[in-house]
């Protein structure tokens, strides 16, 4: 879950401690079962907050570590999509889509869910339809502007790691020796 909140007064440490109380009402699962990560929303004075189930974080990290990888950065794929000119960007492959709508506004799901989201968000209008990137021959609701061989070609062009990183608090990167 991605949230956009006003920045509250205090130090970063105080904010981190207050964050569960600030977002609890907006979460479906109990806040105790979630990992919260935050970062400043540009120069707006607002905060971007990601809430991820701790079980999901533990599972992702276990799989990476089992493969011999120790990550320094972990971020939602939809937020790795390039964000510029306030235009939505849609990436579709055969099994999944990611739609970036703002600095901290994104969603992802199966391609079968995409038409419902497009309609609900009012993105079917050609004036606001997202820039669409397609991996190989994945189905899209309208013609793609760009076709790529692999989703990583698009994701690598997106956010810089310093702005979005789920590895905070209990999940801070392990020190290497």
Protein backbone atom coordinates (compact mmCIF):
# COMPACT_ATOMS: atom_id res chain seq x y z
CA UNK A 1 0.00 0.00 0.00
CA UNK A 2 1.30 3.43 -0.94
CA UNK A 3 0.20 6.51 0.97
CA UNK A 4 0.81 10.24 0.61
CA UNK A 5 0.80 12.12 3.92
CA UNK A 6 1.58 15.61 5.15
CA UNK A 7 4.95 15.81 6.89
CA UNK A 8 4.57 16.16 10.64
CA UNK A 9 6.97 18.19 12.76
CA UNK A 10 9.86 16.44 14.43
CA UNK A 11 13.01 14.55 13.63
CA UNK A 12 13.21 11.59 11.28
CA UNK A 13 13.41 9.30 14.30
CA UNK A 14 10.29 10.81 15.85
CA UNK A 15 8.46 10.49 12.54
CA UNK A 16 9.42 6.84 12.24
CA UNK A 17 8.07 6.21 15.75
CA UNK A 18 4.82 8.10 15.07
CA UNK A 19 4.19 6.60 11.63
CA UNK A 20 2.17 3.54 12.76
CA UNK A 21 -0.36 5.79 14.51
CA UNK A 22 -0.52 8.12 11.49
CA UNK A 23 -1.37 5.38 8.98
CA UNK A 24 -3.20 2.75 11.05
CA UNK A 25 -6.69 3.89 10.00
CA UNK A 26 -5.76 3.65 6.30
CA UNK A 27 -4.55 0.04 6.37
CA UNK A 28 -6.60 -3.12 5.88
CA UNK A 29 -4.28 -5.42 7.85
CA UNK A 30 -3.21 -4.61 11.41
CA UNK A 31 -0.35 -2.10 11.48
CA UNK A 32 1.64 -4.50 13.71
CA UNK A 33 1.80 -7.00 10.84
CA UNK A 34 3.20 -4.41 8.45
CA UNK A 35 6.56 -2.87 7.74
CA UNK A 36 6.40 0.87 7.11
CA UNK A 37 8.95 2.72 5.01
CA UNK A 38 8.89 6.42 4.19
CA UNK A 39 10.71 8.97 2.07
CA UNK A 40 10.19 12.68 1.33
CA UNK A 41 7.89 13.49 -1.60
CA UNK A 42 10.20 15.79 -3.54
CA UNK A 43 10.06 19.40 -2.35
CA UNK A 44 6.36 19.25 -1.47
CA UNK A 45 6.81 18.91 2.29
CA UNK A 46 4.83 15.68 2.11
CA UNK A 47 5.76 12.07 2.79
CA UNK A 48 5.46 8.96 0.70
CA UNK A 49 4.77 5.90 2.84
CA UNK A 50 4.82 2.26 1.81
CA UNK A 51 3.14 -0.38 3.97
CA UNK A 52 4.16 -3.96 3.24
CA UNK A 53 3.22 -7.10 5.11
CA UNK A 54 6.21 -8.25 7.15
CA UNK A 55 5.61 -11.80 5.92
CA UNK A 56 6.05 -10.58 2.33
CA UNK A 57 9.24 -8.68 3.20
CA UNK A 58 10.63 -11.75 5.00
CA UNK A 59 9.78 -13.99 2.05
CA UNK A 60 11.35 -11.68 -0.56
CA UNK A 61 14.53 -11.30 1.46
CA UNK A 62 14.74 -15.05 2.14
CA UNK A 63 14.52 -15.78 -1.60
CA UNK A 64 17.19 -13.20 -2.41
CA UNK A 65 19.49 -14.50 0.31
CA UNK A 66 18.94 -18.10 -0.80
CA UNK A 67 20.22 -16.98 -4.20
CA UNK A 68 23.31 -15.47 -2.54
CA UNK A 69 22.12 -11.87 -2.84
CA UNK A 70 22.13 -9.30 -0.06
CA UNK A 71 20.18 -6.24 -1.24
CA UNK A 72 20.96 -2.64 -0.38
CA UNK A 73 17.72 -1.42 -1.92
CA UNK A 74 14.28 -2.98 -2.24
CA UNK A 75 11.51 -1.04 -3.91
CA UNK A 76 8.03 -1.58 -5.37
CA UNK A 77 8.36 -2.31 -9.08
CA UNK A 78 5.59 0.14 -10.00
CA UNK A 79 7.59 2.96 -8.37
CA UNK A 80 10.61 1.99 -10.46
CA UNK A 81 8.71 3.06 -13.57
CA UNK A 82 9.97 6.39 -14.89
CA UNK A 83 7.95 9.33 -13.61
CA UNK A 84 8.04 12.59 -15.53
CA UNK A 85 5.72 15.24 -16.89
CA UNK A 86 2.91 14.03 -14.61
CA UNK A 87 1.80 11.53 -17.26
CA UNK A 88 0.81 8.03 -16.14
CA UNK A 89 3.02 5.21 -17.35
CA UNK A 90 1.74 1.68 -17.89
CA UNK A 91 3.95 -1.40 -18.25
CA UNK A 92 2.21 -4.60 -19.34
CA UNK A 93 3.63 -8.08 -19.71
CA UNK A 94 1.89 -11.43 -20.08
CA UNK A 95 1.43 -12.03 -16.34
CA UNK A 96 1.29 -8.58 -14.75
CA UNK A 97 0.86 -4.87 -15.21
CA UNK A 98 2.28 -1.91 -13.29
CA UNK A 99 0.75 1.55 -13.55
CA UNK A 100 2.49 4.61 -12.14
CA UNK A 101 0.15 7.52 -11.55
CA UNK A 102 2.25 9.82 -9.37
CA UNK A 103 5.29 10.18 -7.19
CA UNK A 104 3.85 7.80 -4.60
CA UNK A 105 0.81 6.59 -6.49
CA UNK A 106 1.01 3.31 -8.34
CA UNK A 107 -0.76 0.02 -8.63
CA UNK A 108 -0.12 -3.40 -10.09
CA UNK A 109 -2.09 -6.51 -10.85
CA UNK A 110 -2.94 -9.09 -13.45
CA UNK A 111 -3.69 -7.98 -17.02
CA UNK A 112 -7.26 -9.26 -16.59
CA UNK A 113 -7.80 -6.57 -13.91
CA UNK A 114 -6.45 -3.75 -16.06
CA UNK A 115 -9.67 -2.78 -17.93
CA UNK A 116 -11.49 -2.29 -14.62
CA UNK A 117 -8.74 -0.07 -13.24
CA UNK A 118 -8.56 1.92 -16.49
CA UNK A 119 -12.30 2.58 -16.36
CA UNK A 120 -12.38 3.35 -12.62
CA UNK A 121 -9.49 5.81 -12.92
CA UNK A 122 -10.87 7.51 -16.03
CA UNK A 123 -7.78 6.67 -18.07
CA UNK A 124 -9.63 5.50 -21.19
CA UNK A 125 -9.83 9.09 -22.47
CA UNK A 126 -7.09 9.61 -25.11
CA UNK A 127 -6.18 12.90 -23.41
CA UNK A 128 -5.16 11.16 -20.18
CA UNK A 129 -4.36 7.64 -21.34
CA UNK A 130 -1.02 6.44 -19.98
CA UNK A 131 2.15 6.12 -21.97
CA UNK A 132 2.10 2.38 -22.58
CA UNK A 133 5.09 0.05 -22.70
CA UNK A 134 4.54 -3.60 -23.58
CA UNK A 135 6.80 -6.57 -23.00
CA UNK A 136 6.86 -8.63 -26.20
CA UNK A 137 3.27 -9.37 -27.30
CA UNK A 138 1.33 -8.76 -24.08
CA UNK A 139 -2.28 -7.62 -24.56
CA UNK A 140 -3.04 -3.93 -23.86
CA UNK A 141 -6.23 -1.86 -23.84
CA UNK A 142 -4.81 0.39 -26.60
CA UNK A 143 -1.77 0.38 -28.89
CA UNK A 144 1.57 0.48 -27.14
CA UNK A 145 3.91 3.41 -27.68
CA UNK A 146 6.92 1.20 -27.00
CA UNK A 147 7.69 -2.49 -27.03
CA UNK A 148 10.53 -3.97 -24.99
CA UNK A 149 12.00 -7.46 -24.69
CA UNK A 150 11.98 -7.47 -20.86
CA UNK A 151 10.35 -5.38 -18.12
CA UNK A 152 13.77 -4.59 -16.64
CA UNK A 153 14.47 -2.38 -19.65
CA UNK A 154 11.76 -0.02 -18.40
CA UNK A 155 12.27 -0.47 -14.66
CA UNK A 156 16.00 0.30 -14.88
CA UNK A 157 15.18 3.72 -16.33
CA UNK A 158 12.99 4.71 -13.39
CA UNK A 159 13.45 5.95 -9.83
CA UNK A 160 16.85 6.25 -8.30
CA UNK A 161 17.41 4.05 -5.27
CA UNK A 162 17.96 6.97 -2.91
CA UNK A 163 14.34 8.10 -3.14
CA UNK A 164 12.51 4.81 -2.54
CA UNK A 165 13.85 2.04 -0.34
CA UNK A 166 11.79 -0.41 1.68
CA UNK A 167 14.92 -1.50 3.55
CA UNK A 168 14.50 0.70 6.62
CA UNK A 169 14.25 0.06 10.34
CA UNK A 170 14.28 -3.67 11.10
CA UNK A 171 15.04 -4.30 7.43
CA UNK A 172 17.96 -1.90 7.03
CA UNK A 173 20.70 -3.36 4.82
CA UNK A 174 23.13 -5.60 6.64
CA UNK A 175 26.61 -4.21 7.04
CA UNK A 176 29.14 -5.91 4.84
CA UNK A 177 32.63 -6.70 6.05
